[in-house]
Amino acid sequence: MLTASPLLTILLVVALGAAVGVIPFGPLRFGAAGALFVGLALGALEPSLGEGLGIVSSLGLALFVYTVGIAAGETFFADLRQQIPVMGLGVGVIVVVTVLAVLVGAALGLGPPLVAGVLAGALTSTPALAAATAATGPDAAIGYSLGYPVGVVLSIIAVGLVVQRRWPGANDSAPPSAEGLVAESVHVERATLLRAVPGWSDETIKMSYLIRSGATRVLAPGEDLHPGDQVLVIGAPDAVNDAVLFLGHRMERELTSDRDAVDFKRLVVSSPAIAGRTVAQLNLPSRYGGVLTRVRRGDNDLLARDDLVLQLGDRVLAVAPQSELAALTTYLGDSERRVSEVDALALGLGMVVGLLLGAVTIPIPGGVAFSLGPAAGPLVAGMVLGAVHRSGPLIWNIPLSVNLTIRQLGLLLFLATVGLASGPLFAEQAFTPTGLRAGALSVVVVGVSAIAFLGGARLLGLSAQRGAGGFAGYVGQPAVLAFATQRVSDERIDAGYAALFALCIIAKIVAVQVIGAVG
């Protein structure tokens, strides 16, 4: 029955994989990677179950990496200077493990085809497998099938050991959402210009409520503060504390308790006219006499800085005169239903751009044509479009809840089909003497990669979160990224993954070519 119904087979693997993924193995749960292991088991039992699933595998992978790119694009380009060291680290580690794989493989009696295949499999790179097969022969596929599960398991374990750590990251600033936001009601004791208040000019604080001479209104940008004024200051705890000490003293009374003249409300950004625009471009003080103070995106609370680009699905905290709040609500949209729907036109066009980019072939020495393929092409396109935000009426950003849903679906389809396709070769060779030696080489490749990369990230002054995301991109395994983001909500994880994924695919393709040439 499963042989006659590929769709039933895939969904069965997804369902059983989800069950396996929640089983605790010590402190670890493999999550979406459970679909890979179930697929390997079923594929080993019946080889025909993995036939003809290539299009589903490519679709799942393309959906996954495109949505990752869309989410990570803005952060990646904003932090590009911080990304350069980790990109150099990734390429350097691949050079080291390639040399090591050749030496250890020769000591274990493995030929160049198996060594190249194990390297591609342990670092979970299907494009590298294609290059290895062309350079060394079909036996590379055997090494790949043996190295792939080892690479997934050990990489998840390595990331699980570091992603929640807080080691010193002197060269990697924490994301804006890391400290959280607080609001303090402050009694002003001195006359001052707003731009003189610590944190106002560099936008580490915002102010909304102002009570002067018994009248409550929204503080207008550029006005002065007078002794006796009462204001509400919002920002990270340290920044708010500095502003309070400069202005006067904290009040026991909360200014937000009086909502007769000025009110506040959480609103969902659902209007296409608003998405992709900065907070400053909305010009809310002039339009409605109001301000945005916070933006809730996923699990993160962000300060509504003037240069912050709003996205569909953001939940903003708006403060405005009571009489203007209804009009402001209409302006922003505030429709949950609208942001739960994907813009099929933008998604389709973005994916087309990514797949066309992936189809471009570039000849490299050795007579092999290199292309980004359906993995790296959509990732690169997604990163660029995610940073652009919108082009005329097209909004490239995807609401975060929709993005995560598509991402999870694509990942499960990819892992299930890869497992089904790889199962027969894995079962055939896994417990033979050659298979055990190949497995040992895989452990060496992944182990040295993890120690060198994560240790190097720490020495470079990068955070554990960027290092974990970068290692997931270095390995090139979506399940490792999914595992990391389930453990910690930090945009540096996605940014690190995006920085390394496409670059390391290129480096791995060159690496297996070198192994073929040396052999």
Protein backbone atom coordinates (compact mmCIF):
# COMPACT_ATOMS: atom_id res chain seq x y z
CA MET A 1 0.00 0.00 0.00
CA LEU A 2 2.84 2.41 0.81
CA THR A 3 4.59 1.62 -2.45
CA ALA A 4 1.44 2.49 -4.36
CA SER A 5 0.92 5.77 -2.48
CA PRO A 6 4.05 7.97 -2.15
CA LEU A 7 2.00 10.72 -0.51
CA LEU A 8 0.80 8.35 2.20
CA THR A 9 4.38 7.19 2.74
CA ILE A 10 5.73 10.73 3.12
CA LEU A 11 3.02 11.79 5.56
CA LEU A 12 3.45 8.59 7.57
CA VAL A 13 7.17 9.33 7.88
CA VAL A 14 6.38 12.93 8.90
CA ALA A 15 3.92 11.77 11.57
CA LEU A 16 6.13 9.01 13.00
CA GLY A 17 9.14 11.33 12.75
CA ALA A 18 7.34 13.94 14.84
CA ALA A 19 6.71 11.28 17.49
CA VAL A 20 10.37 10.21 17.48
CA GLY A 21 11.45 13.84 17.58
CA VAL A 22 9.86 14.47 20.97
CA ILE A 23 11.49 11.47 22.66
CA PRO A 24 14.15 12.78 25.09
CA PHE A 25 17.68 11.41 24.72
CA GLY A 26 19.16 12.86 27.87
CA PRO A 27 18.87 16.65 27.52
CA LEU A 28 18.28 16.42 23.75
CA ARG A 29 15.25 15.97 21.55
CA PHE A 30 15.86 15.63 17.83
CA GLY A 31 12.69 17.44 16.76
CA ALA A 32 12.20 17.55 13.00
CA ALA A 33 15.26 15.32 12.45
CA GLY A 34 13.08 12.43 13.66
CA ALA A 35 11.58 12.37 10.16
CA LEU A 36 15.03 11.66 8.72
CA PHE A 37 15.60 8.66 11.00
CA VAL A 38 12.13 7.19 10.39
CA GLY A 39 12.66 7.68 6.65
CA LEU A 40 15.99 5.85 6.83
CA ALA A 41 14.33 2.93 8.62
CA LEU A 42 11.39 2.62 6.20
CA GLY A 43 13.64 3.14 3.17
CA ALA A 44 15.91 0.36 4.39
CA LEU A 45 12.93 -2.01 4.75
CA GLU A 46 11.59 -1.28 1.27
CA PRO A 47 13.93 0.48 -1.21
CA SER A 48 11.14 1.31 -3.67
CA LEU A 49 9.57 3.70 -1.13
CA GLY A 50 12.32 6.25 -1.81
CA GLU A 51 12.02 6.24 -5.60
CA GLY A 52 10.74 9.26 -7.51
CA LEU A 53 10.65 11.65 -4.57
CA GLY A 54 13.27 14.08 -5.86
CA ILE A 55 10.79 16.84 -6.75
CA VAL A 56 9.21 16.70 -3.28
CA SER A 57 12.63 16.81 -1.64
CA SER A 58 13.71 19.82 -3.72
CA LEU A 59 10.43 21.63 -3.05
CA GLY A 60 10.69 21.08 0.70
CA LEU A 61 14.30 22.26 0.82
CA ALA A 62 13.60 25.31 -1.36
CA LEU A 63 10.66 26.37 0.83
CA PHE A 64 12.74 25.96 3.96
CA VAL A 65 15.81 27.90 2.86
CA TYR A 66 13.78 30.67 1.17
CA THR A 67 11.81 31.41 4.34
CA VAL A 68 15.02 31.31 6.39
CA GLY A 69 16.57 33.81 3.98
CA ILE A 70 13.54 36.12 4.15
CA ALA A 71 13.67 36.13 7.97
CA ALA A 72 17.45 36.53 8.20
CA GLY A 73 18.10 38.95 5.33
CA GLU A 74 17.73 42.24 7.18
CA THR A 75 19.82 41.09 10.15
CA PHE A 76 22.48 39.53 7.92
CA PHE A 77 23.19 42.70 5.93
CA ALA A 78 22.92 44.92 9.00
CA ASP A 79 25.51 42.75 10.77
CA LEU A 80 27.68 42.07 7.72
CA ARG A 81 30.84 43.32 9.40
CA GLN A 82 30.23 40.83 12.20
CA GLN A 83 29.56 38.07 9.65
CA ILE A 84 32.86 38.35 7.78
CA PRO A 85 34.96 36.68 10.53
CA VAL A 86 32.56 33.75 10.85
CA MET A 87 32.51 33.33 7.05
CA GLY A 88 36.29 33.19 6.97
CA LEU A 89 36.22 30.74 9.87
CA GLY A 90 33.83 28.41 8.01
CA VAL A 91 35.99 28.26 4.87
CA GLY A 92 39.14 27.73 6.95
CA VAL A 93 37.60 24.83 8.88
CA ILE A 94 36.52 23.13 5.62
CA VAL A 95 40.10 23.34 4.36
CA VAL A 96 41.36 21.75 7.58
CA VAL A 97 38.83 18.89 7.66
CA THR A 98 39.36 18.17 3.95
CA VAL A 99 43.08 17.60 4.52
CA LEU A 100 42.26 15.58 7.64
CA ALA A 101 39.68 13.47 5.78
CA VAL A 102 42.23 12.54 3.10
CA LEU A 103 44.85 11.55 5.69
CA VAL A 104 42.51 9.61 8.00
CA GLY A 105 40.70 8.02 5.05
CA ALA A 106 44.01 6.73 3.67
CA ALA A 107 44.96 5.37 7.09
CA LEU A 108 41.61 3.55 7.28
CA GLY A 109 42.04 2.10 3.78
CA LEU A 110 39.21 4.11 2.21
CA GLY A 111 39.57 5.18 -1.41
CA PRO A 112 38.99 8.73 -2.70
CA PRO A 113 35.36 8.04 -3.76
CA LEU A 114 34.36 6.95 -0.27
CA VAL A 115 36.35 9.75 1.38
CA ALA A 116 34.75 12.39 -0.85
CA GLY A 117 31.31 10.89 -0.25
CA VAL A 118 31.80 10.73 3.51
CA LEU A 119 32.92 14.37 3.58
CA ALA A 120 29.82 15.41 1.60
CA GLY A 121 27.56 13.25 3.79
CA ALA A 122 29.03 14.19 7.17
CA LEU A 123 28.62 17.85 6.17
CA THR A 124 25.17 17.02 4.68
CA SER A 125 25.76 18.66 1.30
CA THR A 126 23.82 17.14 -1.60
CA PRO A 127 25.41 19.52 -4.17
CA ALA A 128 28.82 18.34 -2.94
CA LEU A 129 27.68 14.72 -3.44
CA ALA A 130 26.86 15.48 -7.08
CA ALA A 131 30.32 16.98 -7.56
CA ALA A 132 31.95 14.06 -5.73
CA THR A 133 30.16 11.52 -7.91
CA ALA A 134 31.26 13.31 -11.07
CA ALA A 135 34.85 13.58 -9.83
CA THR A 136 35.39 10.16 -8.20
CA GLY A 137 32.64 7.78 -9.33
CA PRO A 138 29.38 6.27 -8.03
CA ASP A 139 30.91 4.87 -4.82
CA ALA A 140 30.76 8.39 -3.43
CA ALA A 141 27.01 7.86 -2.88
CA ILE A 142 27.77 5.01 -0.46
CA GLY A 143 30.03 7.23 1.62
CA TYR A 144 27.39 9.95 1.57
CA SER A 145 24.63 7.63 2.83
CA LEU A 146 26.88 6.50 5.70
CA GLY A 147 28.10 9.95 6.66
CA TYR A 148 24.78 11.78 6.46
CA PRO A 149 23.03 10.36 9.58
CA VAL A 150 26.24 10.69 11.59
CA GLY A 151 26.55 14.32 10.52
CA VAL A 152 22.98 15.14 11.54
CA VAL A 153 23.15 13.47 14.96
CA LEU A 154 26.57 14.78 16.00
CA SER A 155 25.82 18.30 14.71
CA ILE A 156 22.60 18.47 16.72
CA ILE A 157 24.46 17.30 19.82
CA ALA A 158 27.22 19.89 19.28
CA VAL A 159 24.74 22.73 18.81
CA GLY A 160 22.69 21.56 21.78
CA LEU A 161 25.77 21.82 24.00
CA VAL A 162 26.50 25.48 23.13
CA VAL A 163 23.42 27.30 21.85
CA GLN A 164 22.11 28.26 25.30
CA ARG A 165 25.48 29.30 26.70
CA ARG A 166 26.35 32.90 27.49
CA TRP A 167 30.07 33.00 26.89
CA PRO A 168 31.72 36.43 26.39
CA GLY A 169 30.94 37.76 22.92
CA ALA A 170 32.96 40.96 22.89
CA ASN A 171 32.67 41.37 19.11
CA ASP A 172 29.02 40.35 18.83
CA SER A 173 26.50 42.75 20.29
CA ALA A 174 23.29 41.31 21.69
CA PRO A 175 20.16 41.75 19.56
CA PRO A 176 17.89 44.68 20.46
CA SER A 177 15.34 42.29 21.98
CA ALA A 178 17.79 40.57 24.34
CA GLU A 179 17.33 42.80 27.40
CA GLY A 180 13.57 43.27 27.15
CA LEU A 181 11.74 46.56 27.58
CA VAL A 182 10.46 48.37 30.66
CA ALA A 183 8.36 51.51 31.15
CA GLU A 184 8.84 54.00 34.00
CA SER A 185 6.73 56.99 35.01
CA VAL A 186 9.13 59.86 35.74
CA HIS A 187 8.72 63.21 37.49
CA VAL A 188 10.89 65.81 35.70
CA GLU A 189 12.91 68.05 38.03
CA ARG A 190 14.86 70.12 35.51
CA ALA A 191 14.18 72.02 32.30
CA THR A 192 15.82 70.24 29.39
CA LEU A 193 15.71 69.70 25.66
CA LEU A 194 14.61 66.24 24.57
CA ARG A 195 17.80 65.73 22.59
CA ALA A 196 19.80 66.26 25.79
CA VAL A 197 18.15 63.30 27.53
CA PRO A 198 20.46 60.24 27.51
CA GLY A 199 19.18 57.69 25.00
CA TRP A 200 16.82 60.02 23.13
CA SER A 201 19.05 60.95 20.20
CA ASP A 202 20.41 57.43 19.68
CA GLU A 203 16.90 55.99 20.21
CA THR A 204 17.58 53.62 23.05
CA ILE A 205 14.54 55.13 24.78
CA LYS A 206 11.11 56.41 23.71
CA MET A 207 8.66 58.70 25.53
CA SER A 208 4.89 58.72 25.11
CA TYR A 209 2.67 60.09 27.90
CA LEU A 210 3.18 63.71 29.04
CA ILE A 211 1.24 65.35 31.88
CA ARG A 212 1.77 69.10 32.14
CA SER A 213 -0.31 71.44 34.29
CA GLY A 214 -2.82 68.64 34.91
CA ALA A 215 -3.44 67.96 31.18
CA THR A 216 -2.51 64.61 29.60
CA ARG A 217 -1.31 64.34 26.00
CA VAL A 218 1.25 62.55 23.85
CA LEU A 219 4.74 64.03 23.96
CA ALA A 220 5.56 65.74 20.66
CA PRO A 221 9.04 65.15 19.13
CA GLY A 222 11.34 68.13 19.53
CA GLU A 223 9.60 69.89 22.41
CA ASP A 224 11.23 70.86 25.70
CA LEU A 225 10.56 69.34 29.09
CA HIS A 226 9.70 71.60 32.03
CA PRO A 227 10.14 71.10 35.77
CA GLY A 228 7.03 69.39 37.12
CA ASP A 229 6.30 67.50 33.90
CA GLN A 230 5.46 63.83 34.19
CA VAL A 231 6.55 61.55 31.35
CA LEU A 232 6.55 57.84 30.52
CA VAL A 233 9.98 56.50 29.44
CA ILE A 234 10.26 53.18 27.58
CA GLY A 235 13.39 51.22 26.72
CA ALA A 236 15.89 48.63 27.91
CA PRO A 237 16.35 48.68 31.71
CA ASP A 238 19.81 50.32 31.73
CA ALA A 239 18.86 52.98 29.19
CA VAL A 240 15.66 53.83 31.08
CA ASN A 241 17.56 54.05 34.35
CA ASP A 242 20.06 56.54 32.83
CA ALA A 243 17.20 58.69 31.54
CA VAL A 244 15.41 58.64 34.91
CA LEU A 245 18.53 59.74 36.79
CA PHE A 246 19.01 62.62 34.35
CA LEU A 247 15.39 63.81 34.38
CA GLY A 248 14.41 63.47 38.03
CA HIS A 249 12.91 60.55 39.94
CA ARG A 250 10.56 57.61 39.50
CA MET A 251 6.92 57.95 40.44
CA GLU A 252 4.79 55.40 42.23
CA ARG A 253 1.80 56.39 40.14
CA GLU A 254 1.60 54.85 36.65
CA LEU A 255 0.71 57.44 34.01
CA THR A 256 -0.98 54.78 31.88
CA SER A 257 -3.68 54.29 34.53
CA ASP A 258 -5.45 57.42 33.26
CA ARG A 259 -6.83 56.58 29.82
CA ASP A 260 -9.46 59.29 29.42
CA ALA A 261 -7.52 61.69 27.21
CA VAL A 262 -4.71 59.43 25.95
CA ASP A 263 -5.05 55.69 25.41
CA PHE A 264 -2.86 52.83 24.21
CA LYS A 265 -3.61 49.66 22.30
CA ARG A 266 -1.82 46.68 20.78
CA LEU A 267 -2.50 46.63 17.03
CA VAL A 268 -1.58 44.13 14.33
CA VAL A 269 0.12 45.56 11.25
CA SER A 270 -1.95 44.05 8.46
CA SER A 271 -2.21 46.89 5.91
CA PRO A 272 -0.01 46.28 2.85
CA ALA A 273 0.50 50.06 2.64
CA ILE A 274 2.27 49.99 6.02
CA ALA A 275 4.40 46.84 5.66
CA GLY A 276 7.95 47.52 4.52
CA ARG A 277 7.89 51.12 5.77
CA THR A 278 9.91 52.48 8.67
CA VAL A 279 8.28 53.85 11.82
CA ALA A 280 9.45 57.35 10.85
CA GLN A 281 7.83 57.11 7.41
CA LEU A 282 4.41 56.62 9.01
CA ASN A 283 4.65 60.14 10.52
CA LEU A 284 2.16 59.29 13.26
CA PRO A 285 2.80 62.41 15.41
CA SER A 286 1.60 64.65 12.58
CA ARG A 287 -1.16 62.38 11.31
CA TYR A 288 -2.76 61.26 14.56
CA GLY A 289 -0.85 62.96 17.35
CA GLY A 290 0.38 59.52 18.45
CA VAL A 291 3.48 57.38 18.63
CA LEU A 292 4.51 53.74 18.45
CA THR A 293 6.61 52.66 21.42
CA ARG A 294 7.02 48.88 21.05
CA VAL A 295 6.89 46.29 18.29
CA ARG A 296 6.21 42.66 19.17
CA ARG A 297 7.70 40.37 16.50
CA GLY A 298 7.40 36.69 17.25
CA ASP A 299 8.60 36.29 20.84
CA ASN A 300 10.69 39.47 20.78
CA ASP A 301 9.74 42.94 22.03
CA LEU A 302 11.54 45.65 20.05
CA LEU A 303 11.73 49.38 20.72
CA ALA A 304 9.93 51.25 17.91
CA ARG A 305 12.99 53.09 16.62
CA ASP A 306 12.47 55.49 13.72
CA ASP A 307 14.49 53.25 11.37
CA LEU A 308 12.72 50.00 12.33
CA VAL A 309 10.99 48.50 9.28
CA LEU A 310 7.50 47.22 10.08
CA GLN A 311 6.43 43.83 8.78
CA LEU A 312 3.06 42.19 8.30
CA GLY A 313 2.07 40.48 11.52
CA ASP A 314 3.98 42.83 13.82
CA ARG A 315 2.02 43.75 16.96
CA VAL A 316 2.70 47.40 17.73
CA LEU A 317 1.87 49.31 20.90
CA ALA A 318 0.27 52.58 19.77
CA VAL A 319 -0.25 55.55 22.11
CA ALA A 320 -2.61 58.24 20.82
CA PRO A 321 -5.33 60.67 21.86
CA GLN A 322 -8.51 58.76 22.64
CA SER A 323 -10.29 60.54 19.76
CA GLU A 324 -7.68 59.39 17.20
CA LEU A 325 -7.24 55.77 18.27
CA ALA A 326 -10.00 54.37 16.03
CA ALA A 327 -8.57 56.11 12.95
CA LEU A 328 -5.06 54.90 13.80
CA THR A 329 -6.38 51.34 14.16
CA THR A 330 -7.91 51.52 10.68
CA TYR A 331 -4.67 52.95 9.26
CA LEU A 332 -2.55 50.07 10.54
CA GLY A 333 -5.13 47.41 9.65
CA ASP A 334 -5.37 45.35 12.85
CA SER A 335 -6.65 42.20 11.09
CA GLU A 336 -5.42 38.84 12.38
CA ARG A 337 -7.06 37.03 9.49
CA ARG A 338 -5.28 39.09 6.87
CA VAL A 339 -1.80 38.38 8.23
CA SER A 340 -2.53 34.66 8.47
CA GLU A 341 -2.75 34.47 4.67
CA VAL A 342 0.37 34.17 2.53
CA ASP A 343 0.88 36.53 -0.42
CA ALA A 344 1.12 33.85 -3.10
CA LEU A 345 2.29 36.31 -5.77
CA ALA A 346 5.28 37.56 -3.76
CA LEU A 347 6.13 34.07 -2.49
CA GLY A 348 5.90 32.56 -5.97
CA LEU A 349 7.96 35.28 -7.63
CA GLY A 350 10.58 35.18 -4.89
CA MET A 351 10.92 31.41 -5.21
CA VAL A 352 11.17 31.69 -9.01
CA VAL A 353 13.98 34.22 -8.64
CA GLY A 354 15.74 31.88 -6.21
CA LEU A 355 15.39 28.79 -8.40
CA LEU A 356 16.55 30.69 -11.50
CA LEU A 357 19.56 31.92 -9.53
CA GLY A 358 20.22 28.35 -8.42
CA ALA A 359 20.06 27.12 -12.02
CA VAL A 360 22.89 29.38 -13.20
CA THR A 361 25.96 27.20 -13.82
CA ILE A 362 29.53 28.36 -13.41
CA PRO A 363 32.38 26.19 -14.74
CA ILE A 364 35.15 25.46 -12.24
CA PRO A 365 38.51 23.71 -12.76
CA GLY A 366 38.16 19.99 -13.23
CA GLY A 367 35.50 20.12 -15.92
CA VAL A 368 32.58 20.36 -13.47
CA ALA A 369 29.86 23.01 -13.60
CA PHE A 370 28.92 24.57 -10.28
CA SER A 371 25.47 25.91 -9.42
CA LEU A 372 23.80 27.03 -6.21
CA GLY A 373 20.95 24.60 -6.88
CA PRO A 374 17.49 24.56 -5.26
CA ALA A 375 19.07 24.93 -1.80
CA ALA A 376 21.45 27.89 -1.89
CA GLY A 377 19.70 29.76 -4.75
CA PRO A 378 16.42 30.40 -2.88
CA LEU A 379 18.39 31.16 0.30
CA VAL A 380 20.43 33.91 -1.38
CA ALA A 381 17.35 35.32 -3.11
CA GLY A 382 15.41 35.27 0.16
CA MET A 383 18.19 37.10 1.99
CA VAL A 384 18.30 39.88 -0.60
CA LEU A 385 14.52 40.23 -0.84
CA GLY A 386 14.15 40.08 2.95
CA ALA A 387 16.55 43.00 3.24
CA VAL A 388 14.76 44.95 0.49
CA HIS A 389 11.37 44.38 2.24
CA ARG A 390 9.20 45.55 -0.63
CA SER A 391 9.31 46.50 -4.31
CA GLY A 392 6.38 48.74 -5.21
CA PRO A 393 3.21 46.83 -4.31
CA LEU A 394 5.08 43.54 -3.72
CA ILE A 395 5.86 42.85 -0.07
CA TRP A 396 8.62 40.26 0.16
CA ASN A 397 8.56 39.81 3.94
CA ILE A 398 6.31 37.01 5.16
CA PRO A 399 4.43 37.35 8.48
CA LEU A 400 6.52 35.47 11.04
CA SER A 401 3.83 32.97 11.99
CA VAL A 402 3.25 32.12 8.32
CA ASN A 403 7.00 32.00 7.70
CA LEU A 404 7.54 29.50 10.51
CA THR A 405 4.67 27.31 9.30
CA ILE A 406 6.00 27.14 5.74
CA ARG A 407 9.52 26.60 7.07
CA GLN A 408 8.48 23.66 9.23
CA LEU A 409 6.45 22.05 6.45
CA GLY A 410 9.32 22.36 3.96
CA LEU A 411 11.81 20.96 6.45
CA LEU A 412 9.68 17.90 7.25
CA LEU A 413 9.10 17.11 3.56
CA PHE A 414 12.82 17.42 2.83
CA LEU A 415 13.99 15.25 5.72
CA ALA A 416 11.35 12.57 5.16
CA THR A 417 12.17 12.16 1.47
CA VAL A 418 15.95 12.26 2.01
CA GLY A 419 15.62 9.53 4.62
CA LEU A 420 13.50 7.34 2.35
CA ALA A 421 15.92 7.76 -0.56
CA SER A 422 19.08 7.14 1.52
CA GLY A 423 17.77 4.22 3.56
CA PRO A 424 18.68 1.34 1.19
CA LEU A 425 22.34 2.31 0.74
CA PHE A 426 22.69 3.03 4.44
CA ALA A 427 21.29 -0.38 5.46
CA GLU A 428 23.41 -2.17 2.87
CA GLN A 429 26.74 -0.76 4.07
CA ALA A 430 26.25 0.52 7.62
CA PHE A 431 27.45 -2.57 9.52
CA THR A 432 30.08 -3.87 7.11
CA PRO A 433 33.79 -3.31 7.87
CA THR A 434 33.89 -0.62 5.19
CA GLY A 435 30.78 0.99 6.59
CA LEU A 436 32.20 1.09 10.11
CA ARG A 437 35.43 2.68 8.87
CA ALA A 438 33.41 5.24 6.92
CA GLY A 439 31.34 5.91 10.04
CA ALA A 440 34.54 6.46 12.03
CA LEU A 441 35.75 8.95 9.42
CA SER A 442 32.40 10.75 9.64
CA VAL A 443 32.79 11.09 13.40
CA VAL A 444 36.27 12.57 12.91
CA VAL A 445 35.03 15.05 10.27
CA VAL A 446 32.07 16.30 12.31
CA GLY A 447 33.88 16.20 15.66
CA VAL A 448 36.87 18.20 14.43
CA SER A 449 34.54 20.58 12.58
CA ALA A 450 32.50 21.25 15.72
CA ILE A 451 35.52 21.79 17.97
CA ALA A 452 37.36 23.97 15.44
CA PHE A 453 34.35 26.03 14.38
CA LEU A 454 32.71 26.61 17.76
CA GLY A 455 36.06 27.11 19.46
CA GLY A 456 37.08 29.53 16.72
CA ALA A 457 33.80 31.44 17.07
CA ARG A 458 34.47 31.93 20.77
CA LEU A 459 38.06 33.07 20.15
CA LEU A 460 36.76 35.56 17.57
CA GLY A 461 34.52 37.10 20.24
CA LEU A 462 31.26 35.88 18.69
CA SER A 463 28.24 34.88 20.74
CA ALA A 464 27.32 31.26 21.32
CA GLN A 465 24.09 31.92 19.40
CA ARG A 466 25.82 33.24 16.27
CA GLY A 467 28.37 30.43 16.55
CA ALA A 468 25.62 27.77 16.79
CA GLY A 469 23.73 29.24 13.84
CA GLY A 470 26.95 29.53 11.86
CA PHE A 471 27.81 25.89 12.59
CA ALA A 472 24.34 24.83 11.40
CA GLY A 473 25.03 26.75 8.17
CA TYR A 474 28.54 25.30 7.93
CA VAL A 475 27.11 21.79 8.11
CA GLY A 476 24.24 22.87 5.87
CA GLN A 477 21.61 20.86 7.70
CA PRO A 478 18.16 22.45 8.18
CA ALA A 479 17.34 20.11 11.07
CA VAL A 480 20.29 21.51 13.04
CA LEU A 481 19.03 25.07 12.52
CA ALA A 482 15.50 24.06 13.51
CA PHE A 483 16.85 22.42 16.66
CA ALA A 484 18.80 25.56 17.59
CA THR A 485 15.88 27.94 17.06
CA GLN A 486 13.60 25.71 19.12
CA ARG A 487 16.00 25.98 22.04
CA VAL A 488 16.70 29.74 21.83
CA SER A 489 14.84 32.65 20.22
CA ASP A 490 17.68 34.83 18.91
CA GLU A 491 17.93 36.37 15.44
CA ARG A 492 21.71 35.84 15.45
CA ILE A 493 21.11 32.10 14.95
CA ASP A 494 19.32 32.61 11.62
CA ALA A 495 21.84 35.27 10.58
CA GLY A 496 24.78 32.96 11.27
CA TYR A 497 23.13 30.16 9.31
CA ALA A 498 22.45 32.44 6.34
CA ALA A 499 26.03 33.73 6.36
CA LEU A 500 27.59 30.27 6.04
CA PHE A 501 25.12 28.10 4.14
CA ALA A 502 25.70 29.16 0.52
CA LEU A 503 29.39 29.96 1.02
CA CYS A 504 30.14 26.57 2.55
CA ILE A 505 28.28 24.74 -0.23
CA ILE A 506 30.75 26.28 -2.67
CA ALA A 507 33.70 25.41 -0.41
CA LYS A 508 32.53 21.78 -0.06
CA ILE A 509 32.13 21.38 -3.81
CA VAL A 510 35.69 22.59 -4.31
CA ALA A 511 36.87 20.32 -1.47
CA VAL A 512 35.53 17.09 -3.00
CA GLN A 513 37.02 18.13 -6.34
CA VAL A 514 40.39 18.41 -4.65
CA ILE A 515 39.97 14.94 -3.11
CA GLY A 516 39.20 13.54 -6.56
CA ALA A 517 42.23 15.26 -8.06
CA VAL A 518 44.54 14.05 -5.29
CA GLY A 519 43.19 10.51 -5.61
